[in-house]
PDB file of all heavy atoms in Angstrom:
ATOM      1  N   HIS A   1     -17.191  -1.938   4.075  1.00  0.00           N
ATOM      2  CA  HIS A   1     -16.134  -2.229   5.039  1.00  0.00           C
ATOM      3  C   HIS A   1     -16.715  -2.250   6.448  1.00  0.00           C
ATOM      4  O   HIS A   1     -17.746  -1.678   6.693  1.00  0.00           O
ATOM      5  CB  HIS A   1     -14.957  -1.209   4.958  1.00  0.00           C
ATOM      6  CG  HIS A   1     -14.094  -1.453   3.771  1.00  0.00           C
ATOM      7  ND1 HIS A   1     -12.883  -2.107   3.879  1.00  0.00           N
ATOM      8  CD2 HIS A   1     -14.257  -1.222   2.457  1.00  0.00           C
ATOM      9  CE1 HIS A   1     -12.356  -2.220   2.694  1.00  0.00           C
ATOM     10  NE2 HIS A   1     -13.161  -1.677   1.815  1.00  0.00           N
ATOM     11  N   ASN A   2     -16.027  -2.940   7.290  1.00  0.00           N
ATOM     12  CA  ASN A   2     -16.565  -3.192   8.608  1.00  0.00           C
ATOM     13  C   ASN A   2     -16.236  -2.074   9.604  1.00  0.00           C
ATOM     14  O   ASN A   2     -15.778  -2.318  10.696  1.00  0.00           O
ATOM     15  CB  ASN A   2     -16.016  -4.518   9.166  1.00  0.00           C
ATOM     16  CG  ASN A   2     -14.464  -4.590   8.990  1.00  0.00           C
ATOM     17  OD1 ASN A   2     -13.881  -3.678   8.464  1.00  0.00           O
ATOM     18  ND2 ASN A   2     -13.865  -5.678   9.437  1.00  0.00           N
ATOM     19  N   VAL A   3     -16.510  -0.832   9.216  1.00  0.00           N
ATOM     20  CA  VAL A   3     -16.255   0.313  10.091  1.00  0.00           C
ATOM     21  C   VAL A   3     -17.426   0.517  11.063  1.00  0.00           C
ATOM     22  O   VAL A   3     -17.234   0.845  12.202  1.00  0.00           O
ATOM     23  CB  VAL A   3     -16.010   1.593   9.265  1.00  0.00           C
ATOM     24  CG1 VAL A   3     -15.765   2.768  10.169  1.00  0.00           C
ATOM     25  CG2 VAL A   3     -14.864   1.385   8.302  1.00  0.00           C
ATOM     26  N   ALA A   4     -18.630   0.250  10.596  1.00  0.00           N
ATOM     27  CA  ALA A   4     -19.799   0.537  11.394  1.00  0.00           C
ATOM     28  C   ALA A   4     -19.870  -0.319  12.645  1.00  0.00           C
ATOM     29  O   ALA A   4     -20.343   0.081  13.669  1.00  0.00           O
ATOM     30  CB  ALA A   4     -21.061   0.349  10.569  1.00  0.00           C
ATOM     31  N   ASP A   5     -19.353  -1.586  12.549  1.00  0.00           N
ATOM     32  CA  ASP A   5     -19.461  -2.457  13.717  1.00  0.00           C
ATOM     33  C   ASP A   5     -18.242  -2.349  14.647  1.00  0.00           C
ATOM     34  O   ASP A   5     -17.971  -3.250  15.443  1.00  0.00           O
ATOM     35  CB  ASP A   5     -19.634  -3.913  13.248  1.00  0.00           C
ATOM     36  CG  ASP A   5     -18.464  -4.395  12.372  1.00  0.00           C
ATOM     37  OD1 ASP A   5     -17.500  -3.605  12.159  1.00  0.00           O
ATOM     38  OD2 ASP A   5     -18.532  -5.536  11.881  1.00  0.00           O
ATOM     39  N   GLY A   6     -17.490  -1.280  14.498  1.00  0.00           N
ATOM     40  CA  GLY A   6     -16.369  -1.028  15.416  1.00  0.00           C
ATOM     41  C   GLY A   6     -15.060  -1.639  14.985  1.00  0.00           C
ATOM     42  O   GLY A   6     -14.071  -1.426  15.665  1.00  0.00           O
ATOM     43  N   GLN A   7     -15.032  -2.376  13.870  1.00  0.00           N
ATOM     44  CA  GLN A   7     -13.807  -2.966  13.389  1.00  0.00           C
ATOM     45  C   GLN A   7     -13.040  -1.927  12.579  1.00  0.00           C
ATOM     46  O   GLN A   7     -13.601  -1.018  11.970  1.00  0.00           O
ATOM     47  CB  GLN A   7     -14.114  -4.171  12.532  1.00  0.00           C
ATOM     48  CG  GLN A   7     -14.800  -5.314  13.275  1.00  0.00           C
ATOM     49  CD  GLN A   7     -13.939  -5.806  14.410  1.00  0.00           C
ATOM     50  OE1 GLN A   7     -12.736  -6.041  14.256  1.00  0.00           O
ATOM     51  NE2 GLN A   7     -14.547  -6.017  15.574  1.00  0.00           N
ATOM     52  N   PRO A   8     -11.682  -2.015  12.580  1.00  0.00           N
ATOM     53  CA  PRO A   8     -10.887  -1.040  11.791  1.00  0.00           C
ATOM     54  C   PRO A   8     -11.147  -1.180  10.286  1.00  0.00           C
ATOM     55  O   PRO A   8     -11.396  -2.304   9.793  1.00  0.00           O
ATOM     56  CB  PRO A   8      -9.445  -1.386  12.151  1.00  0.00           C
ATOM     57  CG  PRO A   8      -9.510  -2.841  12.553  1.00  0.00           C
ATOM     58  CD  PRO A   8     -10.835  -2.995  13.224  1.00  0.00           C
ATOM     59  N   PRO A   9     -11.065  -0.115   9.546  1.00  0.00           N
ATOM     60  CA  PRO A   9     -11.233  -0.229   8.088  1.00  0.00           C
ATOM     61  C   PRO A   9     -10.072  -1.025   7.527  1.00  0.00           C
ATOM     62  O   PRO A   9      -8.908  -0.928   7.977  1.00  0.00           O
ATOM     63  CB  PRO A   9     -11.169   1.230   7.589  1.00  0.00           C
ATOM     64  CG  PRO A   9     -10.496   1.972   8.708  1.00  0.00           C
ATOM     65  CD  PRO A   9     -10.840   1.286   9.962  1.00  0.00           C
ATOM     66  N   THR A  10     -10.365  -1.892   6.538  1.00  0.00           N
ATOM     67  CA  THR A  10      -9.342  -2.792   6.004  1.00  0.00           C
ATOM     68  C   THR A  10      -9.345  -2.710   4.478  1.00  0.00           C
ATOM     69  O   THR A  10     -10.374  -2.824   3.831  1.00  0.00           O
ATOM     70  CB  THR A  10      -9.627  -4.249   6.432  1.00  0.00           C
ATOM     71  OG1 THR A  10      -9.596  -4.271   7.866  1.00  0.00           O
ATOM     72  CG2 THR A  10      -8.588  -5.180   5.878  1.00  0.00           C
ATOM     73  N   LEU A  11      -8.186  -2.560   3.921  1.00  0.00           N
ATOM     74  CA  LEU A  11      -7.965  -2.644   2.485  1.00  0.00           C
ATOM     75  C   LEU A  11      -7.542  -4.062   2.135  1.00  0.00           C
ATOM     76  O   LEU A  11      -6.875  -4.739   2.927  1.00  0.00           O
ATOM     77  CB  LEU A  11      -6.874  -1.672   2.038  1.00  0.00           C
ATOM     78  CG  LEU A  11      -7.000  -0.189   2.427  1.00  0.00           C
ATOM     79  CD1 LEU A  11      -5.736   0.541   2.024  1.00  0.00           C
ATOM     80  CD2 LEU A  11      -8.227   0.436   1.799  1.00  0.00           C
ATOM     81  N   ARG A  12      -7.887  -4.487   0.919  1.00  0.00           N
ATOM     82  CA  ARG A  12      -7.388  -5.747   0.435  1.00  0.00           C
ATOM     83  C   ARG A  12      -6.524  -5.453  -0.800  1.00  0.00           C
ATOM     84  O   ARG A  12      -6.966  -4.720  -1.681  1.00  0.00           O
ATOM     85  CB  ARG A  12      -8.536  -6.660   0.054  1.00  0.00           C
ATOM     86  CG  ARG A  12      -8.078  -8.036  -0.466  1.00  0.00           C
ATOM     87  CD  ARG A  12      -9.232  -9.008  -0.541  1.00  0.00           C
ATOM     88  NE  ARG A  12      -9.675  -9.394   0.826  1.00  0.00           N
ATOM     89  CZ  ARG A  12     -10.654 -10.263   1.057  1.00  0.00           C
ATOM     90  NH1 ARG A  12     -11.301 -10.805   0.042  1.00  0.00           N
ATOM     91  NH2 ARG A  12     -10.969 -10.529   2.276  1.00  0.00           N
ATOM     92  N   VAL A  13      -5.275  -5.968  -0.783  1.00  0.00           N
ATOM     93  CA  VAL A  13      -4.352  -5.642  -1.836  1.00  0.00           C
ATOM     94  C   VAL A  13      -3.750  -6.896  -2.434  1.00  0.00           C
ATOM     95  O   VAL A  13      -3.787  -7.992  -1.819  1.00  0.00           O
ATOM     96  CB  VAL A  13      -3.228  -4.723  -1.338  1.00  0.00           C
ATOM     97  CG1 VAL A  13      -3.787  -3.416  -0.768  1.00  0.00           C
ATOM     98  CG2 VAL A  13      -2.379  -5.429  -0.295  1.00  0.00           C
ATOM     99  N   GLY A  14      -3.165  -6.730  -3.597  1.00  0.00           N
ATOM    100  CA  GLY A  14      -2.377  -7.785  -4.257  1.00  0.00           C
ATOM    101  C   GLY A  14      -0.955  -7.251  -4.418  1.00  0.00           C
ATOM    102  O   GLY A  14      -0.767  -6.090  -4.840  1.00  0.00           O
ATOM    103  N   VAL A  15      -0.001  -8.080  -4.112  1.00  0.00           N
ATOM    104  CA  VAL A  15       1.423  -7.681  -4.244  1.00  0.00           C
ATOM    105  C   VAL A  15       2.008  -8.360  -5.503  1.00  0.00           C
ATOM    106  O   VAL A  15       1.782  -9.522  -5.762  1.00  0.00           O
ATOM    107  CB  VAL A  15       2.209  -8.119  -3.032  1.00  0.00           C
ATOM    108  CG1 VAL A  15       3.724  -7.851  -3.216  1.00  0.00           C
ATOM    109  CG2 VAL A  15       1.736  -7.382  -1.783  1.00  0.00           C
ATOM    110  N   VAL A  16       2.690  -7.565  -6.311  1.00  0.00           N
ATOM    111  CA  VAL A  16       3.341  -8.073  -7.524  1.00  0.00           C
ATOM    112  C   VAL A  16       4.865  -8.044  -7.271  1.00  0.00           C
ATOM    113  O   VAL A  16       5.414  -6.975  -6.978  1.00  0.00           O
ATOM    114  CB  VAL A  16       3.013  -7.276  -8.756  1.00  0.00           C
ATOM    115  CG1 VAL A  16       3.692  -7.800  -9.991  1.00  0.00           C
ATOM    116  CG2 VAL A  16       1.462  -7.199  -8.960  1.00  0.00           C
ATOM    117  N   MET A  17       5.474  -9.204  -7.423  1.00  0.00           N
ATOM    118  CA  MET A  17       6.940  -9.343  -7.262  1.00  0.00           C
ATOM    119  C   MET A  17       7.519  -9.616  -8.641  1.00  0.00           C
ATOM    120  O   MET A  17       6.946 -10.350  -9.441  1.00  0.00           O
ATOM    121  CB  MET A  17       7.309 -10.447  -6.303  1.00  0.00           C
ATOM    122  CG  MET A  17       6.755 -10.325  -4.923  1.00  0.00           C
ATOM    123  SD  MET A  17       7.416  -8.892  -3.983  1.00  0.00           S
ATOM    124  CE  MET A  17       9.157  -9.336  -3.863  1.00  0.00           C
ATOM    125  N   ARG A  18       8.700  -9.046  -8.864  1.00  0.00           N
ATOM    126  CA  ARG A  18       9.386  -9.228 -10.143  1.00  0.00           C
ATOM    127  C   ARG A  18      10.641 -10.116  -9.929  1.00  0.00           C
ATOM    128  O   ARG A  18      11.409  -9.902  -9.013  1.00  0.00           O
ATOM    129  CB  ARG A  18       9.794  -7.900 -10.705  1.00  0.00           C
ATOM    130  CG  ARG A  18      10.489  -7.989 -12.086  1.00  0.00           C
ATOM    131  CD  ARG A  18      10.834  -6.633 -12.687  1.00  0.00           C
ATOM    132  NE  ARG A  18      11.821  -5.913 -11.887  1.00  0.00           N
ATOM    133  CZ  ARG A  18      11.535  -4.862 -11.137  1.00  0.00           C
ATOM    134  NH1 ARG A  18      10.309  -4.380 -11.055  1.00  0.00           N
ATOM    135  NH2 ARG A  18      12.486  -4.249 -10.460  1.00  0.00           N
ATOM    136  N   ARG A  19      10.793 -11.111 -10.824  1.00  0.00           N
ATOM    137  CA  ARG A  19      11.972 -11.948 -10.822  1.00  0.00           C
ATOM    138  C   ARG A  19      12.714 -11.739 -12.113  1.00  0.00           C
ATOM    139  O   ARG A  19      12.157 -11.881 -13.207  1.00  0.00           O
ATOM    140  CB  ARG A  19      11.608 -13.401 -10.650  1.00  0.00           C
ATOM    141  CG  ARG A  19      12.836 -14.300 -10.488  1.00  0.00           C
ATOM    142  CD  ARG A  19      12.462 -15.723 -10.103  1.00  0.00           C
ATOM    143  NE  ARG A  19      12.102 -16.531 -11.263  1.00  0.00           N
ATOM    144  CZ  ARG A  19      12.045 -17.864 -11.267  1.00  0.00           C
ATOM    145  NH1 ARG A  19      12.324 -18.537 -10.157  1.00  0.00           N
ATOM    146  NH2 ARG A  19      11.700 -18.504 -12.345  1.00  0.00           N
ATOM    147  N   GLU A  20      13.979 -11.346 -12.021  1.00  0.00           N
ATOM    148  CA  GLU A  20      14.766 -11.081 -13.200  1.00  0.00           C
ATOM    149  C   GLU A  20      16.103 -11.819 -13.161  1.00  0.00           C
ATOM    150  O   GLU A  20      16.659 -12.051 -12.104  1.00  0.00           O
ATOM    151  CB  GLU A  20      15.021  -9.553 -13.321  1.00  0.00           C
ATOM    152  CG  GLU A  20      15.586  -8.944 -12.090  1.00  0.00           C
ATOM    153  CD  GLU A  20      15.527  -7.411 -12.053  1.00  0.00           C
ATOM    154  OE1 GLU A  20      14.600  -6.856 -12.675  1.00  0.00           O
ATOM    155  OE2 GLU A  20      16.405  -6.808 -11.438  1.00  0.00           O
ATOM    156  N   PRO A  21      16.561 -12.222 -14.304  1.00  0.00           N
ATOM    157  CA  PRO A  21      17.827 -12.997 -14.316  1.00  0.00           C
ATOM    158  C   PRO A  21      19.033 -12.122 -13.970  1.00  0.00           C
ATOM    159  O   PRO A  21      19.088 -10.932 -14.328  1.00  0.00           O
ATOM    160  CB  PRO A  21      17.921 -13.501 -15.741  1.00  0.00           C
ATOM    161  CG  PRO A  21      17.048 -12.593 -16.539  1.00  0.00           C
ATOM    162  CD  PRO A  21      15.970 -12.130 -15.629  1.00  0.00           C
ATOM    163  N   VAL A  22      19.977 -12.682 -13.296  1.00  0.00           N
ATOM    164  CA  VAL A  22      21.218 -12.000 -12.934  1.00  0.00           C
ATOM    165  C   VAL A  22      22.227 -12.311 -14.028  1.00  0.00           C
ATOM    166  O   VAL A  22      22.393 -13.471 -14.452  1.00  0.00           O
ATOM    167  CB  VAL A  22      21.721 -12.457 -11.554  1.00  0.00           C
ATOM    168  CG1 VAL A  22      23.096 -11.840 -11.280  1.00  0.00           C
ATOM    169  CG2 VAL A  22      20.716 -12.099 -10.477  1.00  0.00           C
ATOM    170  N   SER A  23      22.922 -11.283 -14.502  1.00  0.00           N
ATOM    171  CA  SER A  23      23.922 -11.486 -15.518  1.00  0.00           C
ATOM    172  C   SER A  23      25.313 -11.298 -14.947  1.00  0.00           C
ATOM    173  O   SER A  23      25.488 -10.756 -13.837  1.00  0.00           O
ATOM    174  CB  SER A  23      23.690 -10.460 -16.678  1.00  0.00           C
ATOM    175  OG  SER A  23      23.724  -9.153 -16.190  1.00  0.00           O
ATOM    176  N   GLY A  24      26.278 -11.713 -15.682  1.00  0.00           N
ATOM    177  CA  GLY A  24      27.682 -11.541 -15.269  1.00  0.00           C
ATOM    178  C   GLY A  24      28.144 -12.615 -14.293  1.00  0.00           C
ATOM    179  O   GLY A  24      27.456 -13.648 -14.104  1.00  0.00           O
ATOM    180  N   PRO A  25      29.299 -12.445 -13.673  1.00  0.00           N
ATOM    181  CA  PRO A  25      29.873 -13.461 -12.822  1.00  0.00           C
ATOM    182  C   PRO A  25      28.942 -13.832 -11.653  1.00  0.00           C
ATOM    183  O   PRO A  25      28.982 -14.963 -11.160  1.00  0.00           O
ATOM    184  CB  PRO A  25      31.159 -12.824 -12.329  1.00  0.00           C
ATOM    185  CG  PRO A  25      31.513 -11.807 -13.335  1.00  0.00           C
ATOM    186  CD  PRO A  25      30.205 -11.282 -13.845  1.00  0.00           C
ATOM    187  N   MET A  26      28.145 -12.902 -11.147  1.00  0.00           N
ATOM    188  CA  MET A  26      27.277 -13.172  -9.997  1.00  0.00           C
ATOM    189  C   MET A  26      26.265 -14.257 -10.300  1.00  0.00           C
ATOM    190  O   MET A  26      25.739 -14.907  -9.405  1.00  0.00           O
ATOM    191  CB  MET A  26      26.546 -11.903  -9.574  1.00  0.00           C
ATOM    192  CG  MET A  26      27.412 -10.950  -8.802  1.00  0.00           C
ATOM    193  SD  MET A  26      27.916 -11.654  -7.199  1.00  0.00           S
ATOM    194  CE  MET A  26      26.307 -11.821  -6.422  1.00  0.00           C
ATOM    195  N   ALA A  27      25.950 -14.485 -11.608  1.00  0.00           N
ATOM    196  CA  ALA A  27      24.940 -15.502 -11.941  1.00  0.00           C
ATOM    197  C   ALA A  27      25.359 -16.879 -11.553  1.00  0.00           C
ATOM    198  O   ALA A  27      24.493 -17.747 -11.432  1.00  0.00           O
ATOM    199  CB  ALA A  27      24.694 -15.426 -13.463  1.00  0.00           C
ATOM    200  N   ARG A  28      26.667 -17.102 -11.312  1.00  0.00           N
ATOM    201  CA  ARG A  28      27.089 -18.446 -10.884  1.00  0.00           C
ATOM    202  C   ARG A  28      26.538 -18.777  -9.522  1.00  0.00           C
ATOM    203  O   ARG A  28      26.273 -19.907  -9.166  1.00  0.00           O
ATOM    204  CB  ARG A  28      28.647 -18.514 -10.866  1.00  0.00           C
ATOM    205  CG  ARG A  28      29.287 -18.338 -12.209  1.00  0.00           C
ATOM    206  CD  ARG A  28      30.796 -18.341 -12.108  1.00  0.00           C
ATOM    207  NE  ARG A  28      31.302 -19.488 -11.390  1.00  0.00           N
ATOM    208  CZ  ARG A  28      32.566 -19.672 -11.028  1.00  0.00           C
ATOM    209  NH1 ARG A  28      33.451 -18.691 -11.307  1.00  0.00           N
ATOM    210  NH2 ARG A  28      32.958 -20.767 -10.387  1.00  0.00           N
ATOM    211  N   TRP A  29      26.373 -17.763  -8.653  1.00  0.00           N
ATOM    212  CA  TRP A  29      25.896 -17.975  -7.293  1.00  0.00           C
ATOM    213  C   TRP A  29      24.425 -17.584  -7.102  1.00  0.00           C
ATOM    214  O   TRP A  29      23.745 -18.097  -6.237  1.00  0.00           O
ATOM    215  CB  TRP A  29      26.765 -17.180  -6.312  1.00  0.00           C
ATOM    216  CG  TRP A  29      28.178 -17.625  -6.270  1.00  0.00           C
ATOM    217  CD1 TRP A  29      28.705 -18.689  -5.595  1.00  0.00           C
ATOM    218  CD2 TRP A  29      29.260 -17.049  -7.025  1.00  0.00           C
ATOM    219  NE1 TRP A  29      30.069 -18.787  -5.836  1.00  0.00           N
ATOM    220  CE2 TRP A  29      30.445 -17.806  -6.723  1.00  0.00           C
ATOM    221  CE3 TRP A  29      29.379 -15.982  -7.898  1.00  0.00           C
ATOM    222  CZ2 TRP A  29      31.680 -17.512  -7.296  1.00  0.00           C
ATOM    223  CZ3 TRP A  29      30.615 -15.699  -8.446  1.00  0.00           C
ATOM    224  CH2 TRP A  29      31.771 -16.441  -8.105  1.00  0.00           C
ATOM    225  N   GLN A  30      23.970 -16.655  -7.927  1.00  0.00           N
ATOM    226  CA  GLN A  30      22.578 -16.176  -7.792  1.00  0.00           C
ATOM    227  C   GLN A  30      21.960 -16.016  -9.173  1.00  0.00           C
ATOM    228  O   GLN A  30      22.181 -14.948  -9.827  1.00  0.00           O
ATOM    229  CB  GLN A  30      22.568 -14.867  -7.028  1.00  0.00           C
ATOM    230  CG  GLN A  30      21.172 -14.321  -6.818  1.00  0.00           C
ATOM    231  CD  GLN A  30      21.182 -12.947  -6.127  1.00  0.00           C
ATOM    232  OE1 GLN A  30      22.223 -12.479  -5.685  1.00  0.00           O
ATOM    233  NE2 GLN A  30      20.005 -12.342  -5.985  1.00  0.00           N
ATOM    234  N   PRO A  31      21.233 -16.980  -9.679  1.00  0.00           N
ATOM    235  CA  PRO A  31      20.727 -16.866 -11.045  1.00  0.00           C
ATOM    236  C   PRO A  31      19.540 -15.903 -11.156  1.00  0.00           C
ATOM    237  O   PRO A  31      19.329 -15.369 -12.237  1.00  0.00           O
ATOM    238  CB  PRO A  31      20.241 -18.285 -11.372  1.00  0.00           C
ATOM    239  CG  PRO A  31      19.974 -18.901 -10.014  1.00  0.00           C
ATOM    240  CD  PRO A  31      20.966 -18.260  -9.044  1.00  0.00           C
ATOM    241  N   TRP A  32      18.820 -15.615 -10.046  1.00  0.00           N
ATOM    242  CA  TRP A  32      17.681 -14.734 -10.110  1.00  0.00           C
ATOM    243  C   TRP A  32      17.768 -13.646  -9.040  1.00  0.00           C
ATOM    244  O   TRP A  32      18.392 -13.830  -7.984  1.00  0.00           O
ATOM    245  CB  TRP A  32      16.394 -15.544  -9.827  1.00  0.00           C
ATOM    246  CG  TRP A  32      16.115 -16.613 -10.845  1.00  0.00           C
ATOM    247  CD1 TRP A  32      16.383 -17.944 -10.713  1.00  0.00           C
ATOM    248  CD2 TRP A  32      15.513 -16.462 -12.140  1.00  0.00           C
ATOM    249  NE1 TRP A  32      16.018 -18.638 -11.848  1.00  0.00           N
ATOM    250  CE2 TRP A  32      15.477 -17.730 -12.726  1.00  0.00           C
ATOM    251  CE3 TRP A  32      15.075 -15.360 -12.885  1.00  0.00           C
ATOM    252  CZ2 TRP A  32      14.973 -17.962 -14.028  1.00  0.00           C
ATOM    253  CZ3 TRP A  32      14.576 -15.562 -14.167  1.00  0.00           C
ATOM    254  CH2 TRP A  32      14.533 -16.849 -14.717  1.00  0.00           C
ATOM    255  N   ARG A  33      17.142 -12.542  -9.347  1.00  0.00           N
ATOM    256  CA  ARG A  33      17.056 -11.424  -8.364  1.00  0.00           C
ATOM    257  C   ARG A  33      15.579 -11.055  -8.248  1.00  0.00           C
ATOM    258  O   ARG A  33      14.877 -10.888  -9.265  1.00  0.00           O
ATOM    259  CB  ARG A  33      17.867 -10.206  -8.842  1.00  0.00           C
ATOM    260  CG  ARG A  33      17.746  -9.013  -7.933  1.00  0.00           C
ATOM    261  CD  ARG A  33      18.384  -7.766  -8.572  1.00  0.00           C
ATOM    262  NE  ARG A  33      19.793  -7.974  -8.821  1.00  0.00           N
ATOM    263  CZ  ARG A  33      20.350  -8.051 -10.023  1.00  0.00           C
ATOM    264  NH1 ARG A  33      19.617  -7.923 -11.107  1.00  0.00           N
ATOM    265  NH2 ARG A  33      21.660  -8.243 -10.175  1.00  0.00           N
ATOM    266  N   TRP A  34      15.134 -10.923  -7.009  1.00  0.00           N
ATOM    267  CA  TRP A  34      13.703 -10.570  -6.743  1.00  0.00           C
ATOM    268  C   TRP A  34      13.628  -9.108  -6.326  1.00  0.00           C
ATOM    269  O   TRP A  34      14.516  -8.561  -5.672  1.00  0.00           O
ATOM    270  CB  TRP A  34      13.109 -11.454  -5.652  1.00  0.00           C
ATOM    271  CG  TRP A  34      12.807 -12.849  -6.094  1.00  0.00           C
ATOM    272  CD1 TRP A  34      13.669 -13.944  -6.044  1.00  0.00           C
ATOM    273  CD2 TRP A  34      11.606 -13.305  -6.681  1.00  0.00           C
ATOM    274  NE1 TRP A  34      13.010 -15.037  -6.556  1.00  0.00           N
ATOM    275  CE2 TRP A  34      11.746 -14.692  -6.931  1.00  0.00           C
ATOM    276  CE3 TRP A  34      10.375 -12.714  -6.961  1.00  0.00           C
ATOM    277  CZ2 TRP A  34      10.747 -15.467  -7.502  1.00  0.00           C
ATOM    278  CZ3 TRP A  34       9.359 -13.485  -7.526  1.00  0.00           C
ATOM    279  CH2 TRP A  34       9.550 -14.857  -7.767  1.00  0.00           C
ATOM    280  N   ALA A  35      12.469  -8.477  -6.692  1.00  0.00           N
ATOM    281  CA  ALA A  35      12.252  -7.098  -6.305  1.00  0.00           C
ATOM    282  C   ALA A  35      10.740  -6.859  -6.193  1.00  0.00           C
ATOM    283  O   ALA A  35       9.954  -7.536  -6.903  1.00  0.00           O
ATOM    284  CB  ALA A  35      12.868  -6.111  -7.271  1.00  0.00           C
ATOM    285  N   LEU A  36      10.321  -5.939  -5.346  1.00  0.00           N
ATOM    286  CA  LEU A  36       8.898  -5.560  -5.273  1.00  0.00           C
ATOM    287  C   LEU A  36       8.601  -4.722  -6.505  1.00  0.00           C
ATOM    288  O   LEU A  36       9.297  -3.744  -6.803  1.00  0.00           O
ATOM    289  CB  LEU A  36       8.685  -4.714  -4.001  1.00  0.00           C
ATOM    290  CG  LEU A  36       7.296  -4.112  -3.838  1.00  0.00           C
ATOM    291  CD1 LEU A  36       6.223  -5.190  -3.700  1.00  0.00           C
ATOM    292  CD2 LEU A  36       7.272  -3.189  -2.625  1.00  0.00           C
ATOM    293  N   ALA A  37       7.545  -5.107  -7.253  1.00  0.00           N
ATOM    294  CA  ALA A  37       7.152  -4.385  -8.452  1.00  0.00           C
ATOM    295  C   ALA A  37       5.968  -3.458  -8.225  1.00  0.00           C
ATOM    296  O   ALA A  37       5.948  -2.341  -8.740  1.00  0.00           O
ATOM    297  CB  ALA A  37       6.836  -5.372  -9.584  1.00  0.00           C
ATOM    298  N   ASP A  38       4.957  -3.922  -7.461  1.00  0.00           N
ATOM    299  CA  ASP A  38       3.759  -3.100  -7.328  1.00  0.00           C
ATOM    300  C   ASP A  38       2.898  -3.651  -6.178  1.00  0.00           C
ATOM    301  O   ASP A  38       3.028  -4.796  -5.792  1.00  0.00           O
ATOM    302  CB  ASP A  38       2.950  -3.142  -8.620  1.00  0.00           C
ATOM    303  CG  ASP A  38       1.942  -2.016  -8.751  1.00  0.00           C
ATOM    304  OD1 ASP A  38       1.976  -1.129  -7.863  1.00  0.00           O
ATOM    305  OD2 ASP A  38       1.131  -2.023  -9.680  1.00  0.00           O
ATOM    306  N   VAL A  39       2.055  -2.765  -5.655  1.00  0.00           N
ATOM    307  CA  VAL A  39       0.978  -3.153  -4.753  1.00  0.00           C
ATOM    308  C   VAL A  39      -0.294  -2.579  -5.359  1.00  0.00           C
ATOM    309  O   VAL A  39      -0.407  -1.368  -5.605  1.00  0.00           O
ATOM    310  CB  VAL A  39       1.143  -2.591  -3.324  1.00  0.00           C
ATOM    311  CG1 VAL A  39      -0.056  -2.875  -2.464  1.00  0.00           C
ATOM    312  CG2 VAL A  39       2.404  -3.191  -2.675  1.00  0.00           C
ATOM    313  N   GLN A  40      -1.249  -3.455  -5.689  1.00  0.00           N
ATOM    314  CA  GLN A  40      -2.484  -3.059  -6.353  1.00  0.00           C
ATOM    315  C   GLN A  40      -3.643  -3.217  -5.402  1.00  0.00           C
ATOM    316  O   GLN A  40      -3.783  -4.236  -4.720  1.00  0.00           O
ATOM    317  CB  GLN A  40      -2.682  -3.906  -7.609  1.00  0.00           C
ATOM    318  CG  GLN A  40      -1.593  -3.674  -8.612  1.00  0.00           C
ATOM    319  CD  GLN A  40      -1.823  -4.460  -9.918  1.00  0.00           C
ATOM    320  OE1 GLN A  40      -2.796  -5.220 -10.048  1.00  0.00           O
ATOM    321  NE2 GLN A  40      -0.948  -4.279 -10.891  1.00  0.00           N
ATOM    322  N   VAL A  41      -4.473  -2.202  -5.312  1.00  0.00           N
ATOM    323  CA  VAL A  41      -5.620  -2.200  -4.393  1.00  0.00           C
ATOM    324  C   VAL A  41      -6.718  -3.014  -5.064  1.00  0.00           C
ATOM    325  O   VAL A  41      -7.169  -2.741  -6.164  1.00  0.00           O
ATOM    326  CB  VAL A  41      -6.091  -0.746  -4.136  1.00  0.00           C
ATOM    327  CG1 VAL A  41      -7.278  -0.780  -3.190  1.00  0.00           C
ATOM    328  CG2 VAL A  41      -4.978   0.066  -3.555  1.00  0.00           C
ATOM    329  N   LEU A  42      -7.214  -4.032  -4.340  1.00  0.00           N
ATOM    330  CA  LEU A  42      -8.260  -4.881  -4.824  1.00  0.00           C
ATOM    331  C   LEU A  42      -9.619  -4.526  -4.256  1.00  0.00           C
ATOM    332  O   LEU A  42     -10.628  -4.616  -4.924  1.00  0.00           O
ATOM    333  CB  LEU A  42      -7.934  -6.347  -4.504  1.00  0.00           C
ATOM    334  CG  LEU A  42      -6.566  -6.895  -4.897  1.00  0.00           C
ATOM    335  CD1 LEU A  42      -6.445  -8.348  -4.580  1.00  0.00           C
ATOM    336  CD2 LEU A  42      -6.288  -6.600  -6.369  1.00  0.00           C
ATOM    337  N   GLN A  43      -9.665  -4.135  -2.976  1.00  0.00           N
ATOM    338  CA  GLN A  43     -10.893  -3.695  -2.335  1.00  0.00           C
ATOM    339  C   GLN A  43     -10.553  -2.528  -1.445  1.00  0.00           C
ATOM    340  O   GLN A  43      -9.539  -2.562  -0.709  1.00  0.00           O
ATOM    341  CB  GLN A  43     -11.519  -4.818  -1.508  1.00  0.00           C
ATOM    342  CG  GLN A  43     -12.054  -5.974  -2.315  1.00  0.00           C
ATOM    343  CD  GLN A  43     -12.759  -7.008  -1.466  1.00  0.00           C
ATOM    344  OE1 GLN A  43     -12.935  -6.840  -0.275  1.00  0.00           O
ATOM    345  NE2 GLN A  43     -13.202  -8.096  -2.106  1.00  0.00           N
ATOM    346  N   ALA A  44     -11.427  -1.505  -1.477  1.00  0.00           N
ATOM    347  CA  ALA A  44     -11.176  -0.283  -0.758  1.00  0.00           C
ATOM    348  C   ALA A  44     -12.476   0.473  -0.592  1.00  0.00           C
ATOM    349  O   ALA A  44     -13.489   0.140  -1.188  1.00  0.00           O
ATOM    350  CB  ALA A  44     -10.155   0.574  -1.515  1.00  0.00           C
ATOM    351  N   PRO A  45     -12.498   1.516   0.269  1.00  0.00           N
ATOM    352  CA  PRO A  45     -13.673   2.359   0.389  1.00  0.00           C
ATOM    353  C   PRO A  45     -14.045   3.007  -0.938  1.00  0.00           C
ATOM    354  O   PRO A  45     -13.233   3.119  -1.864  1.00  0.00           O
ATOM    355  CB  PRO A  45     -13.259   3.394   1.416  1.00  0.00           C
ATOM    356  CG  PRO A  45     -12.169   2.777   2.181  1.00  0.00           C
ATOM    357  CD  PRO A  45     -11.415   1.947   1.197  1.00  0.00           C
TER     358      PRO A  45
END
């Protein structure tokens, strides 16, 4: 990581989003619902 050259330490991550079907009467207006599922660390100290 670029700490030695005076730059701030930086993590690299991947974000996982979940899309799930909406059931019931609401599905007429909103067929899908999104939610944050996970944040996975890809690069770190």
